[in-house]
Amino acid sequence: ALSGLPVIGICEASMYEASAGGRRFGIATVTPDLVA
């Protein structure tokens, strides 16, 4: 909202890629307290 540049987050980008074409996707990670 504040920047005049394109800004990308690695979570949003990976979810867009993983779900491309209606693909079902999961996450594998090490941090249980971030699952929610």
Full PDB file with SEQRES, HELIX, SHEET, SSBOND, CRYST1, ORIGX, SCALE, CONECT and MASTER records, all heavy atoms in Angstrom:
SEQRES   1 A   36  ALA LEU SER GLY LEU PRO VAL ILE GLY ILE CYS GLU ALA          
SEQRES   2 A   36  SER MET TYR GLU ALA SER ALA GLY GLY ARG ARG PHE GLY          
SEQRES   3 A   36  ILE ALA THR VAL THR PRO ASP LEU VAL ALA                      
HELIX    1 AA1 ILE A   10  ALA A   18  1                                   9    
HELIX    2 AA2 ALA A   20  GLY A   22  5                                   3    
HELIX    3 AA3 PRO A   32  LEU A   34  5                                   3    
CRYST1    1.000    1.000    1.000  90.00  90.00  90.00 P 1           1          
ORIGX1      1.000000  0.000000  0.000000        0.00000                         
ORIGX2      0.000000  1.000000  0.000000        0.00000                         
ORIGX3      0.000000  0.000000  1.000000        0.00000                         
SCALE1      1.000000  0.000000  0.000000        0.00000                         
SCALE2      0.000000  1.000000  0.000000        0.00000                         
SCALE3      0.000000  0.000000  1.000000        0.00000                         
ATOM      1  N   ALA A   1       0.813  -1.211   0.000  1.00  0.00           N  
ATOM      2  CA  ALA A   1       0.000   0.000   0.000  1.00  0.00           C  
ATOM      3  C   ALA A   1       0.847   1.262   0.000  1.00  0.00           C  
ATOM      4  O   ALA A   1       0.448   2.286  -0.566  1.00  0.00           O  
ATOM      5  CB  ALA A   1      -0.926  -0.008   1.218  1.00  0.00           C  
ATOM      6  N   LEU A   2       2.034   1.184   0.617  1.00  0.00           N  
ATOM      7  CA  LEU A   2       2.870   2.370   0.762  1.00  0.00           C  
ATOM      8  C   LEU A   2       3.919   2.524  -0.328  1.00  0.00           C  
ATOM      9  O   LEU A   2       4.379   3.632  -0.599  1.00  0.00           O  
ATOM     10  CB  LEU A   2       3.579   2.342   2.130  1.00  0.00           C  
ATOM     11  CG  LEU A   2       2.679   2.451   3.357  1.00  0.00           C  
ATOM     12  CD1 LEU A   2       3.498   2.254   4.625  1.00  0.00           C  
ATOM     13  CD2 LEU A   2       1.965   3.793   3.386  1.00  0.00           C  
ATOM     14  N   SER A   3       4.298   1.439  -0.943  1.00  0.00           N  
ATOM     15  CA  SER A   3       5.392   1.469  -1.914  1.00  0.00           C  
ATOM     16  C   SER A   3       4.879   1.678  -3.332  1.00  0.00           C  
ATOM     17  O   SER A   3       3.793   1.215  -3.692  1.00  0.00           O  
ATOM     18  CB  SER A   3       6.189   0.164  -1.854  1.00  0.00           C  
ATOM     19  OG  SER A   3       7.190   0.140  -2.857  1.00  0.00           O  
ATOM     20  N   GLY A   4       5.670   2.335  -4.130  1.00  0.00           N  
ATOM     21  CA  GLY A   4       5.350   2.482  -5.548  1.00  0.00           C  
ATOM     22  C   GLY A   4       5.922   1.375  -6.401  1.00  0.00           C  
ATOM     23  O   GLY A   4       5.791   1.390  -7.629  1.00  0.00           O  
ATOM     24  N   LEU A   5       6.541   0.394  -5.758  1.00  0.00           N  
ATOM     25  CA  LEU A   5       7.179  -0.710  -6.476  1.00  0.00           C  
ATOM     26  C   LEU A   5       6.326  -1.971  -6.411  1.00  0.00           C  
ATOM     27  O   LEU A   5       5.512  -2.129  -5.505  1.00  0.00           O  
ATOM     28  CB  LEU A   5       8.546  -1.025  -5.853  1.00  0.00           C  
ATOM     29  CG  LEU A   5       9.571   0.098  -5.809  1.00  0.00           C  
ATOM     30  CD1 LEU A   5      10.832  -0.401  -5.111  1.00  0.00           C  
ATOM     31  CD2 LEU A   5       9.900   0.592  -7.210  1.00  0.00           C  
ATOM     32  N   PRO A   6       6.528  -2.909  -7.337  1.00  0.00           N  
ATOM     33  CA  PRO A   6       5.926  -4.234  -7.164  1.00  0.00           C  
ATOM     34  C   PRO A   6       6.554  -4.926  -5.958  1.00  0.00           C  
ATOM     35  O   PRO A   6       7.775  -4.906  -5.793  1.00  0.00           O  
ATOM     36  CB  PRO A   6       6.252  -4.962  -8.471  1.00  0.00           C  
ATOM     37  CG  PRO A   6       7.366  -4.201  -9.089  1.00  0.00           C  
ATOM     38  CD  PRO A   6       7.262  -2.794  -8.613  1.00  0.00           C  
ATOM     39  N   VAL A   7       5.708  -5.507  -5.119  1.00  0.00           N  
ATOM     40  CA  VAL A   7       6.156  -6.162  -3.887  1.00  0.00           C  
ATOM     41  C   VAL A   7       5.563  -7.560  -3.849  1.00  0.00           C  
ATOM     42  O   VAL A   7       4.349  -7.729  -3.990  1.00  0.00           O  
ATOM     43  CB  VAL A   7       5.699  -5.380  -2.635  1.00  0.00           C  
ATOM     44  CG1 VAL A   7       6.299  -6.014  -1.378  1.00  0.00           C  
ATOM     45  CG2 VAL A   7       6.077  -3.906  -2.731  1.00  0.00           C  
ATOM     46  N   ILE A   8       6.406  -8.557  -3.637  1.00  0.00           N  
ATOM     47  CA  ILE A   8       5.975  -9.952  -3.636  1.00  0.00           C  
ATOM     48  C   ILE A   8       6.389 -10.618  -2.331  1.00  0.00           C  
ATOM     49  O   ILE A   8       7.507 -10.438  -1.850  1.00  0.00           O  
ATOM     50  CB  ILE A   8       6.618 -10.725  -4.811  1.00  0.00           C  
ATOM     51  CG1 ILE A   8       6.260 -10.093  -6.153  1.00  0.00           C  
ATOM     52  CG2 ILE A   8       6.209 -12.200  -4.773  1.00  0.00           C  
ATOM     53  CD1 ILE A   8       4.802 -10.109  -6.491  1.00  0.00           C  
ATOM     54  N   GLY A   9       5.490 -11.419  -1.754  1.00  0.00           N  
ATOM     55  CA  GLY A   9       5.823 -12.234  -0.590  1.00  0.00           C  
ATOM     56  C   GLY A   9       6.040 -13.673  -1.011  1.00  0.00           C  
ATOM     57  O   GLY A   9       5.356 -14.173  -1.917  1.00  0.00           O  
ATOM     58  N   ILE A  10       6.978 -14.348  -0.370  1.00  0.00           N  
ATOM     59  CA  ILE A  10       7.286 -15.717  -0.801  1.00  0.00           C  
ATOM     60  C   ILE A  10       6.143 -16.678  -0.504  1.00  0.00           C  
ATOM     61  O   ILE A  10       5.984 -17.683  -1.210  1.00  0.00           O  
ATOM     62  CB  ILE A  10       8.616 -16.238  -0.206  1.00  0.00           C  
ATOM     63  CG1 ILE A  10       8.563 -16.350   1.321  1.00  0.00           C  
ATOM     64  CG2 ILE A  10       9.785 -15.365  -0.638  1.00  0.00           C  
ATOM     65  CD1 ILE A  10       9.777 -17.069   1.910  1.00  0.00           C  
ATOM     66  N   CYS A  11       5.326 -16.390   0.516  1.00  0.00           N  
ATOM     67  CA  CYS A  11       4.192 -17.276   0.801  1.00  0.00           C  
ATOM     68  C   CYS A  11       3.127 -17.136  -0.274  1.00  0.00           C  
ATOM     69  O   CYS A  11       2.663 -18.119  -0.845  1.00  0.00           O  
ATOM     70  CB  CYS A  11       3.623 -16.973   2.175  1.00  0.00           C  
ATOM     71  SG  CYS A  11       2.291 -18.095   2.671  1.00  0.00           S  
ATOM     72  N   GLU A  12       2.719 -15.904  -0.575  1.00  0.00           N  
ATOM     73  CA  GLU A  12       1.684 -15.715  -1.591  1.00  0.00           C  
ATOM     74  C   GLU A  12       2.144 -16.256  -2.939  1.00  0.00           C  
ATOM     75  O   GLU A  12       1.376 -16.908  -3.647  1.00  0.00           O  
ATOM     76  CB  GLU A  12       1.291 -14.242  -1.717  1.00  0.00           C  
ATOM     77  CG  GLU A  12       2.374 -13.328  -2.249  1.00  0.00           C  
ATOM     78  CD  GLU A  12       1.868 -11.941  -2.635  1.00  0.00           C  
ATOM     79  OE1 GLU A  12       0.686 -11.635  -2.377  1.00  0.00           O  
ATOM     80  OE2 GLU A  12       2.670 -11.163  -3.190  1.00  0.00           O  
ATOM     81  N   ALA A  13       3.401 -15.995  -3.309  1.00  0.00           N  
ATOM     82  CA  ALA A  13       3.898 -16.434  -4.610  1.00  0.00           C  
ATOM     83  C   ALA A  13       3.889 -17.946  -4.718  1.00  0.00           C  
ATOM     84  O   ALA A  13       3.491 -18.521  -5.741  1.00  0.00           O  
ATOM     85  CB  ALA A  13       5.319 -15.903  -4.841  1.00  0.00           C  
ATOM     86  N   SER A  14       4.316 -18.624  -3.659  1.00  0.00           N  
ATOM     87  CA  SER A  14       4.367 -20.085  -3.704  1.00  0.00           C  
ATOM     88  C   SER A  14       2.974 -20.694  -3.717  1.00  0.00           C  
ATOM     89  O   SER A  14       2.736 -21.718  -4.368  1.00  0.00           O  
ATOM     90  CB  SER A  14       5.188 -20.635  -2.535  1.00  0.00           C  
ATOM     91  OG  SER A  14       4.630 -20.268  -1.293  1.00  0.00           O  
ATOM     92  N   MET A  15       2.019 -20.071  -3.023  1.00  0.00           N  
ATOM     93  CA  MET A  15       0.641 -20.578  -3.048  1.00  0.00           C  
ATOM     94  C   MET A  15       0.017 -20.390  -4.427  1.00  0.00           C  
ATOM     95  O   MET A  15      -0.707 -21.274  -4.907  1.00  0.00           O  
ATOM     96  CB  MET A  15      -0.197 -19.914  -1.964  1.00  0.00           C  
ATOM     97  CG  MET A  15       0.108 -20.411  -0.567  1.00  0.00           C  
ATOM     98  SD  MET A  15      -1.093 -19.802   0.668  1.00  0.00           S  
ATOM     99  CE  MET A  15      -0.536 -20.695   2.137  1.00  0.00           C  
ATOM    100  N   TYR A  16       0.284 -19.269  -5.062  1.00  0.00           N  
ATOM    101  CA  TYR A  16      -0.209 -19.081  -6.425  1.00  0.00           C  
ATOM    102  C   TYR A  16       0.358 -20.146  -7.357  1.00  0.00           C  
ATOM    103  O   TYR A  16      -0.355 -20.726  -8.173  1.00  0.00           O  
ATOM    104  CB  TYR A  16       0.168 -17.689  -6.939  1.00  0.00           C  
ATOM    105  CG  TYR A  16      -0.631 -16.559  -6.365  1.00  0.00           C  
ATOM    106  CD1 TYR A  16      -0.019 -15.336  -6.085  1.00  0.00           C  
ATOM    107  CD2 TYR A  16      -2.000 -16.671  -6.113  1.00  0.00           C  
ATOM    108  CE1 TYR A  16      -0.746 -14.268  -5.572  1.00  0.00           C  
ATOM    109  CE2 TYR A  16      -2.729 -15.615  -5.596  1.00  0.00           C  
ATOM    110  CZ  TYR A  16      -2.089 -14.409  -5.323  1.00  0.00           C  
ATOM    111  OH  TYR A  16      -2.813 -13.355  -4.816  1.00  0.00           O  
ATOM    112  N   GLU A  17       1.660 -20.400  -7.243  1.00  0.00           N  
ATOM    113  CA  GLU A  17       2.276 -21.408  -8.119  1.00  0.00           C  
ATOM    114  C   GLU A  17       1.754 -22.803  -7.808  1.00  0.00           C  
ATOM    115  O   GLU A  17       1.417 -23.575  -8.712  1.00  0.00           O  
ATOM    116  CB  GLU A  17       3.801 -21.393  -7.987  1.00  0.00           C  
ATOM    117  CG  GLU A  17       4.462 -22.424  -8.867  1.00  0.00           C  
ATOM    118  CD  GLU A  17       5.969 -22.476  -8.770  1.00  0.00           C  
ATOM    119  OE1 GLU A  17       6.569 -21.593  -8.126  1.00  0.00           O  
ATOM    120  OE2 GLU A  17       6.556 -23.419  -9.338  1.00  0.00           O  
ATOM    121  N   ALA A  18       1.693 -23.134  -6.526  1.00  0.00           N  
ATOM    122  CA  ALA A  18       1.289 -24.489  -6.138  1.00  0.00           C  
ATOM    123  C   ALA A  18      -0.138 -24.801  -6.563  1.00  0.00           C  
ATOM    124  O   ALA A  18      -0.455 -25.941  -6.901  1.00  0.00           O  
ATOM    125  CB  ALA A  18       1.426 -24.656  -4.627  1.00  0.00           C  
ATOM    126  N   SER A  19      -1.003 -23.780  -6.558  1.00  0.00           N  
ATOM    127  CA  SER A  19      -2.423 -23.995  -6.858  1.00  0.00           C  
ATOM    128  C   SER A  19      -2.765 -23.796  -8.329  1.00  0.00           C  
ATOM    129  O   SER A  19      -3.944 -23.877  -8.703  1.00  0.00           O  
ATOM    130  CB  SER A  19      -3.268 -23.025  -6.020  1.00  0.00           C  
ATOM    131  OG  SER A  19      -2.989 -21.676  -6.371  1.00  0.00           O  
ATOM    132  N   ALA A  20      -1.774 -23.548  -9.155  1.00  0.00           N  
ATOM    133  CA  ALA A  20      -2.026 -23.271 -10.574  1.00  0.00           C  
ATOM    134  C   ALA A  20      -2.820 -24.403 -11.214  1.00  0.00           C  
ATOM    135  O   ALA A  20      -2.534 -25.588 -10.997  1.00  0.00           O  
ATOM    136  CB  ALA A  20      -0.706 -23.084 -11.316  1.00  0.00           C  
ATOM    137  N   GLY A  21      -3.836 -24.038 -11.987  1.00  0.00           N  
ATOM    138  CA  GLY A  21      -4.648 -25.038 -12.655  1.00  0.00           C  
ATOM    139  C   GLY A  21      -5.576 -25.804 -11.736  1.00  0.00           C  
ATOM    140  O   GLY A  21      -6.056 -26.885 -12.083  1.00  0.00           O  
ATOM    141  N   GLY A  22      -5.830 -25.254 -10.534  1.00  0.00           N  
ATOM    142  CA  GLY A  22      -6.705 -25.932  -9.586  1.00  0.00           C  
ATOM    143  C   GLY A  22      -6.039 -27.082  -8.863  1.00  0.00           C  
ATOM    144  O   GLY A  22      -6.717 -27.972  -8.331  1.00  0.00           O  
ATOM    145  N   ARG A  23      -4.714 -27.044  -8.789  1.00  0.00           N  
ATOM    146  CA  ARG A  23      -3.962 -28.131  -8.151  1.00  0.00           C  
ATOM    147  C   ARG A  23      -4.091 -28.050  -6.634  1.00  0.00           C  
ATOM    148  O   ARG A  23      -3.997 -26.989  -6.034  1.00  0.00           O  
ATOM    149  CB  ARG A  23      -2.495 -27.992  -8.586  1.00  0.00           C  
ATOM    150  CG  ARG A  23      -1.590 -29.128  -8.222  1.00  0.00           C  
ATOM    151  CD  ARG A  23      -0.288 -29.058  -9.013  1.00  0.00           C  
ATOM    152  NE  ARG A  23       0.421 -27.787  -8.868  1.00  0.00           N  
ATOM    153  CZ  ARG A  23       1.570 -27.517  -9.474  1.00  0.00           C  
ATOM    154  NH1 ARG A  23       2.141 -28.426 -10.266  1.00  0.00           N  
ATOM    155  NH2 ARG A  23       2.170 -26.360  -9.304  1.00  0.00           N  
ATOM    156  N   ARG A  24      -4.307 -29.196  -5.989  1.00  0.00           N  
ATOM    157  CA  ARG A  24      -4.340 -29.275  -4.533  1.00  0.00           C  
ATOM    158  C   ARG A  24      -2.915 -29.221  -3.992  1.00  0.00           C  
ATOM    159  O   ARG A  24      -2.021 -29.848  -4.550  1.00  0.00           O  
ATOM    160  CB  ARG A  24      -5.026 -30.566  -4.076  1.00  0.00           C  
ATOM    161  CG  ARG A  24      -6.534 -30.562  -4.325  1.00  0.00           C  
ATOM    162  CD  ARG A  24      -7.139 -31.961  -4.202  1.00  0.00           C  
ATOM    163  NE  ARG A  24      -6.851 -32.586  -2.919  1.00  0.00           N  
ATOM    164  CZ  ARG A  24      -7.499 -32.353  -1.787  1.00  0.00           C  
ATOM    165  NH1 ARG A  24      -8.477 -31.467  -1.766  1.00  0.00           N  
ATOM    166  NH2 ARG A  24      -7.187 -32.978  -0.673  1.00  0.00           N  
ATOM    167  N   PHE A  25      -2.730 -28.463  -2.914  1.00  0.00           N  
ATOM    168  CA  PHE A  25      -1.364 -28.273  -2.418  1.00  0.00           C  
ATOM    169  C   PHE A  25      -1.307 -28.316  -0.898  1.00  0.00           C  
ATOM    170  O   PHE A  25      -2.264 -27.978  -0.200  1.00  0.00           O  
ATOM    171  CB  PHE A  25      -0.784 -26.941  -2.914  1.00  0.00           C  
ATOM    172  CG  PHE A  25      -1.426 -25.722  -2.305  1.00  0.00           C  
ATOM    173  CD1 PHE A  25      -0.881 -25.101  -1.187  1.00  0.00           C  
ATOM    174  CD2 PHE A  25      -2.582 -25.174  -2.852  1.00  0.00           C  
ATOM    175  CE1 PHE A  25      -1.470 -23.977  -0.622  1.00  0.00           C  
ATOM    176  CE2 PHE A  25      -3.190 -24.049  -2.294  1.00  0.00           C  
ATOM    177  CZ  PHE A  25      -2.623 -23.446  -1.179  1.00  0.00           C  
ATOM    178  N   GLY A  26      -0.164 -28.744  -0.407  1.00  0.00           N  
ATOM    179  CA  GLY A  26       0.105 -28.752   1.021  1.00  0.00           C  
ATOM    180  C   GLY A  26       1.384 -28.014   1.316  1.00  0.00           C  
ATOM    181  O   GLY A  26       2.063 -27.521   0.417  1.00  0.00           O  
ATOM    182  N   ILE A  27       1.712 -27.938   2.596  1.00  0.00           N  
ATOM    183  CA  ILE A  27       2.932 -27.270   3.048  1.00  0.00           C  
ATOM    184  C   ILE A  27       3.702 -28.219   3.949  1.00  0.00           C  
ATOM    185  O   ILE A  27       3.118 -28.875   4.817  1.00  0.00           O  
ATOM    186  CB  ILE A  27       2.611 -25.974   3.820  1.00  0.00           C  
ATOM    187  CG1 ILE A  27       1.966 -24.943   2.881  1.00  0.00           C  
ATOM    188  CG2 ILE A  27       3.860 -25.390   4.474  1.00  0.00           C  
ATOM    189  CD1 ILE A  27       1.415 -23.721   3.597  1.00  0.00           C  
ATOM    190  N   ALA A  28       5.003 -28.298   3.747  1.00  0.00           N  
ATOM    191  CA  ALA A  28       5.902 -29.033   4.640  1.00  0.00           C  
ATOM    192  C   ALA A  28       6.832 -28.018   5.284  1.00  0.00           C  
ATOM    193  O   ALA A  28       7.459 -27.211   4.584  1.00  0.00           O  
ATOM    194  CB  ALA A  28       6.707 -30.070   3.861  1.00  0.00           C  
ATOM    195  N   THR A  29       6.926 -28.046   6.615  1.00  0.00           N  
ATOM    196  CA  THR A  29       7.726 -27.033   7.282  1.00  0.00           C  
ATOM    197  C   THR A  29       8.169 -27.508   8.659  1.00  0.00           C  
ATOM    198  O   THR A  29       7.860 -28.631   9.077  1.00  0.00           O  
ATOM    199  CB  THR A  29       6.950 -25.703   7.384  1.00  0.00           C  
ATOM    200  OG1 THR A  29       7.838 -24.657   7.757  1.00  0.00           O  
ATOM    201  CG2 THR A  29       5.798 -25.805   8.357  1.00  0.00           C  
ATOM    202  N   VAL A  30       8.863 -26.600   9.374  1.00  0.00           N  
ATOM    203  CA  VAL A  30       9.455 -26.954  10.668  1.00  0.00           C  
ATOM    204  C   VAL A  30       8.826 -26.201  11.834  1.00  0.00           C  
ATOM    205  O   VAL A  30       9.199 -26.422  12.983  1.00  0.00           O  
ATOM    206  CB  VAL A  30      10.974 -26.672  10.653  1.00  0.00           C  
ATOM    207  CG1 VAL A  30      11.669 -27.461   9.559  1.00  0.00           C  
ATOM    208  CG2 VAL A  30      11.271 -25.178  10.488  1.00  0.00           C  
ATOM    209  N   THR A  31       7.878 -25.289  11.567  1.00  0.00           N  
ATOM    210  CA  THR A  31       7.410 -24.352  12.591  1.00  0.00           C  
ATOM    211  C   THR A  31       5.948 -24.597  12.975  1.00  0.00           C  
ATOM    212  O   THR A  31       5.038 -24.027  12.365  1.00  0.00           O  
ATOM    213  CB  THR A  31       7.571 -22.899  12.091  1.00  0.00           C  
ATOM    214  OG1 THR A  31       7.001 -22.797  10.766  1.00  0.00           O  
ATOM    215  CG2 THR A  31       9.034 -22.512  12.033  1.00  0.00           C  
ATOM    216  N   PRO A  32       5.694 -25.392  13.997  1.00  0.00           N  
ATOM    217  CA  PRO A  32       4.310 -25.719  14.370  1.00  0.00           C  
ATOM    218  C   PRO A  32       3.494 -24.515  14.796  1.00  0.00           C  
ATOM    219  O   PRO A  32       2.272 -24.481  14.591  1.00  0.00           O  
ATOM    220  CB  PRO A  32       4.485 -26.702  15.533  1.00  0.00           C  
ATOM    221  CG  PRO A  32       5.872 -26.497  16.041  1.00  0.00           C  
ATOM    222  CD  PRO A  32       6.678 -26.102  14.851  1.00  0.00           C  
ATOM    223  N   ASP A  33       4.117 -23.500  15.372  1.00  0.00           N  
ATOM    224  CA  ASP A  33       3.361 -22.361  15.880  1.00  0.00           C  
ATOM    225  C   ASP A  33       2.967 -21.362  14.791  1.00  0.00           C  
ATOM    226  O   ASP A  33       2.365 -20.324  15.097  1.00  0.00           O  
ATOM    227  CB  ASP A  33       4.167 -21.645  16.965  1.00  0.00           C  
ATOM    228  CG  ASP A  33       4.334 -22.495  18.215  1.00  0.00           C  
ATOM    229  OD1 ASP A  33       3.474 -23.361  18.447  1.00  0.00           O  
ATOM    230  OD2 ASP A  33       5.315 -22.307  18.952  1.00  0.00           O  
ATOM    231  N   LEU A  34       3.303 -21.670  13.539  1.00  0.00           N  
ATOM    232  CA  LEU A  34       2.898 -20.812  12.426  1.00  0.00           C  
ATOM    233  C   LEU A  34       1.858 -21.478  11.526  1.00  0.00           C  
ATOM    234  O   LEU A  34       1.428 -20.885  10.539  1.00  0.00           O  
ATOM    235  CB  LEU A  34       4.120 -20.417  11.584  1.00  0.00           C  
ATOM    236  CG  LEU A  34       5.067 -19.405  12.234  1.00  0.00           C  
ATOM    237  CD1 LEU A  34       6.324 -19.237  11.386  1.00  0.00           C  
ATOM    238  CD2 LEU A  34       4.386 -18.053  12.415  1.00  0.00           C  
ATOM    239  N   VAL A  35       1.449 -22.682  11.876  1.00  0.00           N  
ATOM    240  CA  VAL A  35       0.531 -23.441  11.017  1.00  0.00           C  
ATOM    241  C   VAL A  35      -0.776 -22.680  10.770  1.00  0.00           C  
ATOM    242  O   VAL A  35      -1.285 -22.628   9.652  1.00  0.00           O  
ATOM    243  CB  VAL A  35       0.258 -24.830  11.620  1.00  0.00           C  
ATOM    244  CG1 VAL A  35      -0.898 -25.519  10.911  1.00  0.00           C  
ATOM    245  CG2 VAL A  35       1.508 -25.691  11.533  1.00  0.00           C  
ATOM    246  N   ALA A  36      -1.320 -22.081  11.812  1.00  0.00           N  
ATOM    247  CA  ALA A  36      -2.587 -21.354  11.666  1.00  0.00           C  
ATOM    248  C   ALA A  36      -2.454 -20.197  10.683  1.00  0.00           C  
ATOM    249  O   ALA A  36      -3.385 -19.891   9.932  1.00  0.00           O  
ATOM    250  CB  ALA A  36      -3.064 -20.845  13.020  1.00  0.00           C  
TER     251      ALA A  36                                                      
MASTER        0    0    0    3    0    0    0    6  250    1    0    3          
END                                                                             
